[in-house]
Structures are given as structure tokens and as C-alpha cells.
Amino acid sequence: MKKIAIVTICLLLIGVGIAAAAPQQQQQTVPVNPTDGTFDGNVGYKRPGQNATIVGTIAGTYTMKNRGGRFNGDWATENYSGTLKGAFGRHLLIGRISMMINGTERSLPIIGFIGYRDSQFLGRFMSLIGPALYFWGTYT
């Protein structure tokens, strides 16, 4: 019984020492953004040391929540156009793109990364079909 008590006290002291030495966590704050707004930008390829190759445009509206938001907009290229809907967080983007083909609506899921600050956003997304594209633009 004494051995169990001694081992328990030693483990308790080690645990208290580790907890006391652990760095304190600080609350991270998300910059205050408007609750609703609009965005517009471009979609294309970016290669290091070269200018971007723009293949399409995006535009729409967004609604901010606590740690991210939702977006709803339109996209267009030279030959095609459609809608895009989804949600974004601090660094992730998930959504769906849709377009009409021969009178039927086709849609694909998208997933990607996003970063935004100073009224500008930049990210990269991919889908089941096609290459992973960059997108960038401004929001208000």
C-alpha cells in the first residue's frame, strides 16, 4: 500500500510540474470584418517568376460568421459560366461549382486553401476534374 501511495504522489508531482511548465495559451482573435460584403477576382495559373495566366473570373457575395463565412457567386470563362457556393474558414475552403450543360445542371465539389487580409484574398482550389487553380481578388 505504501508503494502505491509513493508512486501516486510521484506521478502527481511530475504532472503538476509539467502543467506548470507548459506555455499559457492565448486567445487568438480574428480581425473584425464586415458581416456582409462582395468579392470579385480572377481564376488562373500562377507560375513562379511569370505573370499569372487568367482563365476566368469570379464575383459574388459573402456573409461572415465567427471564424469564417459563406459565399455565393458566379464564375465565368470564355466558353462556360456557372455558380459557386460554399463556406470558408480561416484557411480552408469547401464548396460546389455548378454549370448548365445541354439543359441539365452539372456540379462538382471543390476544396482548397484561402488566405485573406487587407481587403484581398488569395487561394487555391481543386476538384475531381481539372487542374488545381489559383484564385485571387478583392473583397469589400
C-alpha atoms as a PDB file:
ATOM      1  CA  MET A   1       0.000   0.000   0.000  1.00  0.00           C
ATOM      2  CA  LYS A   2       2.865   2.365   0.811  1.00  0.00           C
ATOM      3  CA  LYS A   3       4.448   1.705  -2.593  1.00  0.00           C
ATOM      4  CA  ILE A   4       1.211   2.608  -4.411  1.00  0.00           C
ATOM      5  CA  ALA A   5       0.901   5.845  -2.418  1.00  0.00           C
ATOM      6  CA  ILE A   6       4.531   6.802  -3.132  1.00  0.00           C
ATOM      7  CA  VAL A   7       4.158   6.085  -6.890  1.00  0.00           C
ATOM      8  CA  THR A   8       0.875   8.073  -6.980  1.00  0.00           C
ATOM      9  CA  ILE A   9       2.472  11.063  -5.234  1.00  0.00           C
ATOM     10  CA  CYS A  10       5.489  10.956  -7.600  1.00  0.00           C
ATOM     11  CA  LEU A  11       3.228  10.858 -10.677  1.00  0.00           C
ATOM     12  CA  LEU A  12       1.147  13.702  -9.252  1.00  0.00           C
ATOM     13  CA  LEU A  13       4.249  15.838  -8.697  1.00  0.00           C
ATOM     14  CA  ILE A  14       5.505  15.108 -12.240  1.00  0.00           C
ATOM     15  CA  GLY A  15       2.086  16.003 -13.675  1.00  0.00           C
ATOM     16  CA  VAL A  16       1.925  19.263 -11.697  1.00  0.00           C
ATOM     17  CA  GLY A  17       5.456  20.148 -12.823  1.00  0.00           C
ATOM     18  CA  ILE A  18       4.613  19.554 -16.484  1.00  0.00           C
ATOM     19  CA  ALA A  19       1.382  21.556 -16.226  1.00  0.00           C
ATOM     20  CA  ALA A  20       3.189  24.455 -14.547  1.00  0.00           C
ATOM     21  CA  ALA A  21       5.921  24.471 -17.198  1.00  0.00           C
ATOM     22  CA  ALA A  22       3.516  24.347 -20.159  1.00  0.00           C
ATOM     23  CA  PRO A  23       3.164  27.646 -22.044  1.00  0.00           C
ATOM     24  CA  GLN A  24      -0.029  29.554 -21.457  1.00  0.00           C
ATOM     25  CA  GLN A  25      -2.460  29.527 -24.359  1.00  0.00           C
ATOM     26  CA  GLN A  26      -3.645  32.893 -25.559  1.00  0.00           C
ATOM     27  CA  GLN A  27      -6.970  33.598 -27.154  1.00  0.00           C
ATOM     28  CA  GLN A  28      -6.488  34.256 -30.867  1.00  0.00           C
ATOM     29  CA  THR A  29      -8.610  36.993 -32.303  1.00  0.00           C
ATOM     30  CA  VAL A  30      -9.936  37.093 -35.828  1.00  0.00           C
ATOM     31  CA  PRO A  31      -9.821  40.530 -37.453  1.00  0.00           C
ATOM     32  CA  VAL A  32     -13.171  42.275 -37.460  1.00  0.00           C
ATOM     33  CA  ASN A  33     -14.639  42.099 -40.948  1.00  0.00           C
ATOM     34  CA  PRO A  34     -17.952  43.346 -42.257  1.00  0.00           C
ATOM     35  CA  THR A  35     -20.752  40.850 -41.707  1.00  0.00           C
ATOM     36  CA  ASP A  36     -21.782  41.008 -45.368  1.00  0.00           C
ATOM     37  CA  GLY A  37     -19.910  42.051 -48.456  1.00  0.00           C
ATOM     38  CA  THR A  38     -18.980  41.410 -52.050  1.00  0.00           C
ATOM     39  CA  PHE A  39     -15.955  39.907 -53.748  1.00  0.00           C
ATOM     40  CA  ASP A  40     -14.549  39.810 -57.252  1.00  0.00           C
ATOM     41  CA  GLY A  41     -11.415  38.297 -58.649  1.00  0.00           C
ATOM     42  CA  ASN A  42      -9.688  36.043 -61.128  1.00  0.00           C
ATOM     43  CA  VAL A  43      -9.016  32.338 -61.527  1.00  0.00           C
ATOM     44  CA  GLY A  44      -5.919  31.043 -63.238  1.00  0.00           C
ATOM     45  CA  TYR A  45      -2.441  29.614 -63.115  1.00  0.00           C
ATOM     46  CA  LYS A  46       0.419  31.266 -61.271  1.00  0.00           C
ATOM     47  CA  ARG A  47       3.956  30.206 -62.021  1.00  0.00           C
ATOM     48  CA  PRO A  48       6.984  31.497 -60.109  1.00  0.00           C
ATOM     49  CA  GLY A  49       8.718  34.308 -61.943  1.00  0.00           C
ATOM     50  CA  GLN A  50       5.950  34.657 -64.529  1.00  0.00           C
ATOM     51  CA  ASN A  51       2.758  36.641 -64.835  1.00  0.00           C
ATOM     52  CA  ALA A  52      -0.468  34.851 -63.994  1.00  0.00           C
ATOM     53  CA  THR A  53      -2.474  33.225 -66.770  1.00  0.00           C
ATOM     54  CA  ILE A  54      -6.099  34.203 -66.157  1.00  0.00           C
ATOM     55  CA  VAL A  55      -8.644  31.624 -67.323  1.00  0.00           C
ATOM     56  CA  GLY A  56     -11.782  33.050 -65.702  1.00  0.00           C
ATOM     57  CA  THR A  57     -13.409  35.468 -63.292  1.00  0.00           C
ATOM     58  CA  ILE A  58     -15.372  35.128 -60.064  1.00  0.00           C
ATOM     59  CA  ALA A  59     -17.756  37.545 -58.355  1.00  0.00           C
ATOM     60  CA  GLY A  60     -20.397  37.324 -55.665  1.00  0.00           C
ATOM     61  CA  THR A  61     -21.369  37.967 -52.068  1.00  0.00           C
ATOM     62  CA  TYR A  62     -20.260  36.589 -48.722  1.00  0.00           C
ATOM     63  CA  THR A  63     -21.556  36.534 -45.156  1.00  0.00           C
ATOM     64  CA  MET A  64     -19.086  36.420 -42.258  1.00  0.00           C
ATOM     65  CA  LYS A  65     -19.629  34.260 -39.190  1.00  0.00           C
ATOM     66  CA  ASN A  66     -17.459  33.861 -36.072  1.00  0.00           C
ATOM     67  CA  ARG A  67     -14.474  32.074 -37.645  1.00  0.00           C
ATOM     68  CA  GLY A  68     -15.310  32.078 -41.315  1.00  0.00           C
ATOM     69  CA  GLY A  69     -18.218  32.594 -43.618  1.00  0.00           C
ATOM     70  CA  ARG A  70     -20.338  31.525 -46.550  1.00  0.00           C
ATOM     71  CA  PHE A  71     -20.097  32.657 -50.151  1.00  0.00           C
ATOM     72  CA  ASN A  72     -22.423  32.633 -53.144  1.00  0.00           C
ATOM     73  CA  GLY A  73     -21.370  33.862 -56.553  1.00  0.00           C
ATOM     74  CA  ASP A  74     -20.829  33.385 -60.250  1.00  0.00           C
ATOM     75  CA  TRP A  75     -17.832  32.254 -62.287  1.00  0.00           C
ATOM     76  CA  ALA A  76     -17.164  32.614 -65.989  1.00  0.00           C
ATOM     77  CA  THR A  77     -14.585  31.656 -68.603  1.00  0.00           C
ATOM     78  CA  GLU A  78     -14.554  32.366 -72.338  1.00  0.00           C
ATOM     79  CA  ASN A  79     -16.804  29.391 -73.103  1.00  0.00           C
ATOM     80  CA  TYR A  80     -18.581  28.484 -69.865  1.00  0.00           C
ATOM     81  CA  SER A  81     -20.223  30.090 -66.850  1.00  0.00           C
ATOM     82  CA  GLY A  82     -21.957  28.939 -63.713  1.00  0.00           C
ATOM     83  CA  THR A  83     -22.443  29.442 -59.997  1.00  0.00           C
ATOM     84  CA  LEU A  84     -20.341  28.716 -56.943  1.00  0.00           C
ATOM     85  CA  LYS A  85     -21.457  28.211 -53.343  1.00  0.00           C
ATOM     86  CA  GLY A  86     -19.684  27.149 -50.205  1.00  0.00           C
ATOM     87  CA  ALA A  87     -18.085  28.016 -46.903  1.00  0.00           C
ATOM     88  CA  PHE A  88     -14.644  29.130 -45.800  1.00  0.00           C
ATOM     89  CA  GLY A  89     -12.759  29.236 -42.547  1.00  0.00           C
ATOM     90  CA  ARG A  90      -9.510  30.818 -41.534  1.00  0.00           C
ATOM     91  CA  HIS A  91      -7.548  28.744 -44.039  1.00  0.00           C
ATOM     92  CA  LEU A  92      -9.882  26.196 -45.659  1.00  0.00           C
ATOM     93  CA  LEU A  93     -12.490  26.439 -48.380  1.00  0.00           C
ATOM     94  CA  ILE A  94     -15.138  23.889 -49.283  1.00  0.00           C
ATOM     95  CA  GLY A  95     -17.939  24.289 -51.751  1.00  0.00           C
ATOM     96  CA  ARG A  96     -19.604  23.398 -55.026  1.00  0.00           C
ATOM     97  CA  ILE A  97     -19.384  24.776 -58.557  1.00  0.00           C
ATOM     98  CA  SER A  98     -22.283  24.328 -60.980  1.00  0.00           C
ATOM     99  CA  MET A  99     -22.935  24.949 -64.663  1.00  0.00           C
ATOM    100  CA  MET A 100     -25.549  24.129 -67.285  1.00  0.00           C
ATOM    101  CA  ILE A 101     -24.562  21.583 -69.952  1.00  0.00           C
ATOM    102  CA  ASN A 102     -27.133  20.734 -72.643  1.00  0.00           C
ATOM    103  CA  GLY A 103     -30.012  21.912 -70.436  1.00  0.00           C
ATOM    104  CA  THR A 104     -29.008  19.927 -67.330  1.00  0.00           C
ATOM    105  CA  GLU A 105     -27.227  21.327 -64.322  1.00  0.00           C
ATOM    106  CA  ARG A 106     -23.906  19.665 -63.527  1.00  0.00           C
ATOM    107  CA  SER A 107     -21.995  20.318 -60.319  1.00  0.00           C
ATOM    108  CA  LEU A 108     -18.674  19.356 -58.766  1.00  0.00           C
ATOM    109  CA  PRO A 109     -17.356  19.672 -55.216  1.00  0.00           C
ATOM    110  CA  ILE A 110     -14.314  21.877 -54.589  1.00  0.00           C
ATOM    111  CA  ILE A 111     -11.894  22.019 -51.702  1.00  0.00           C
ATOM    112  CA  GLY A 112      -8.977  24.346 -51.183  1.00  0.00           C
ATOM    113  CA  PHE A 113      -6.986  26.803 -49.138  1.00  0.00           C
ATOM    114  CA  ILE A 114      -7.695  30.500 -48.680  1.00  0.00           C
ATOM    115  CA  GLY A 115      -5.991  33.459 -47.052  1.00  0.00           C
ATOM    116  CA  TYR A 116      -7.388  36.949 -46.718  1.00  0.00           C
ATOM    117  CA  ARG A 117      -6.315  40.291 -45.275  1.00  0.00           C
ATOM    118  CA  ASP A 118      -6.273  43.977 -46.157  1.00  0.00           C
ATOM    119  CA  SER A 119      -9.353  43.560 -48.390  1.00  0.00           C
ATOM    120  CA  GLN A 120      -7.598  40.973 -50.578  1.00  0.00           C
ATOM    121  CA  PHE A 121      -7.868  37.210 -50.790  1.00  0.00           C
ATOM    122  CA  LEU A 122      -5.687  34.522 -52.346  1.00  0.00           C
ATOM    123  CA  GLY A 123      -6.145  30.789 -52.509  1.00  0.00           C
ATOM    124  CA  ARG A 124      -6.012  27.583 -54.441  1.00  0.00           C
ATOM    125  CA  PHE A 125      -8.749  25.041 -55.034  1.00  0.00           C
ATOM    126  CA  MET A 126      -9.163  21.702 -56.758  1.00  0.00           C
ATOM    127  CA  SER A 127     -11.985  19.445 -57.859  1.00  0.00           C
ATOM    128  CA  LEU A 128     -12.434  15.928 -59.156  1.00  0.00           C
ATOM    129  CA  ILE A 129     -11.870  17.069 -62.754  1.00  0.00           C
ATOM    130  CA  GLY A 130      -9.297  19.541 -63.994  1.00  0.00           C
ATOM    131  CA  PRO A 131      -6.160  21.093 -62.596  1.00  0.00           C
ATOM    132  CA  ALA A 132      -5.776  22.838 -59.243  1.00  0.00           C
ATOM    133  CA  LEU A 133      -6.260  26.539 -59.940  1.00  0.00           C
ATOM    134  CA  TYR A 134      -5.363  29.689 -58.024  1.00  0.00           C
ATOM    135  CA  PHE A 135      -7.884  32.412 -57.317  1.00  0.00           C
ATOM    136  CA  TRP A 136      -7.233  35.950 -56.114  1.00  0.00           C
ATOM    137  CA  GLY A 137      -9.085  39.212 -55.836  1.00  0.00           C
ATOM    138  CA  THR A 138     -10.559  41.808 -53.515  1.00  0.00           C
ATOM    139  CA  TYR A 139     -13.486  41.931 -51.113  1.00  0.00           C
ATOM    140  CA  THR A 140     -15.409  44.812 -49.556  1.00  0.00           C
END
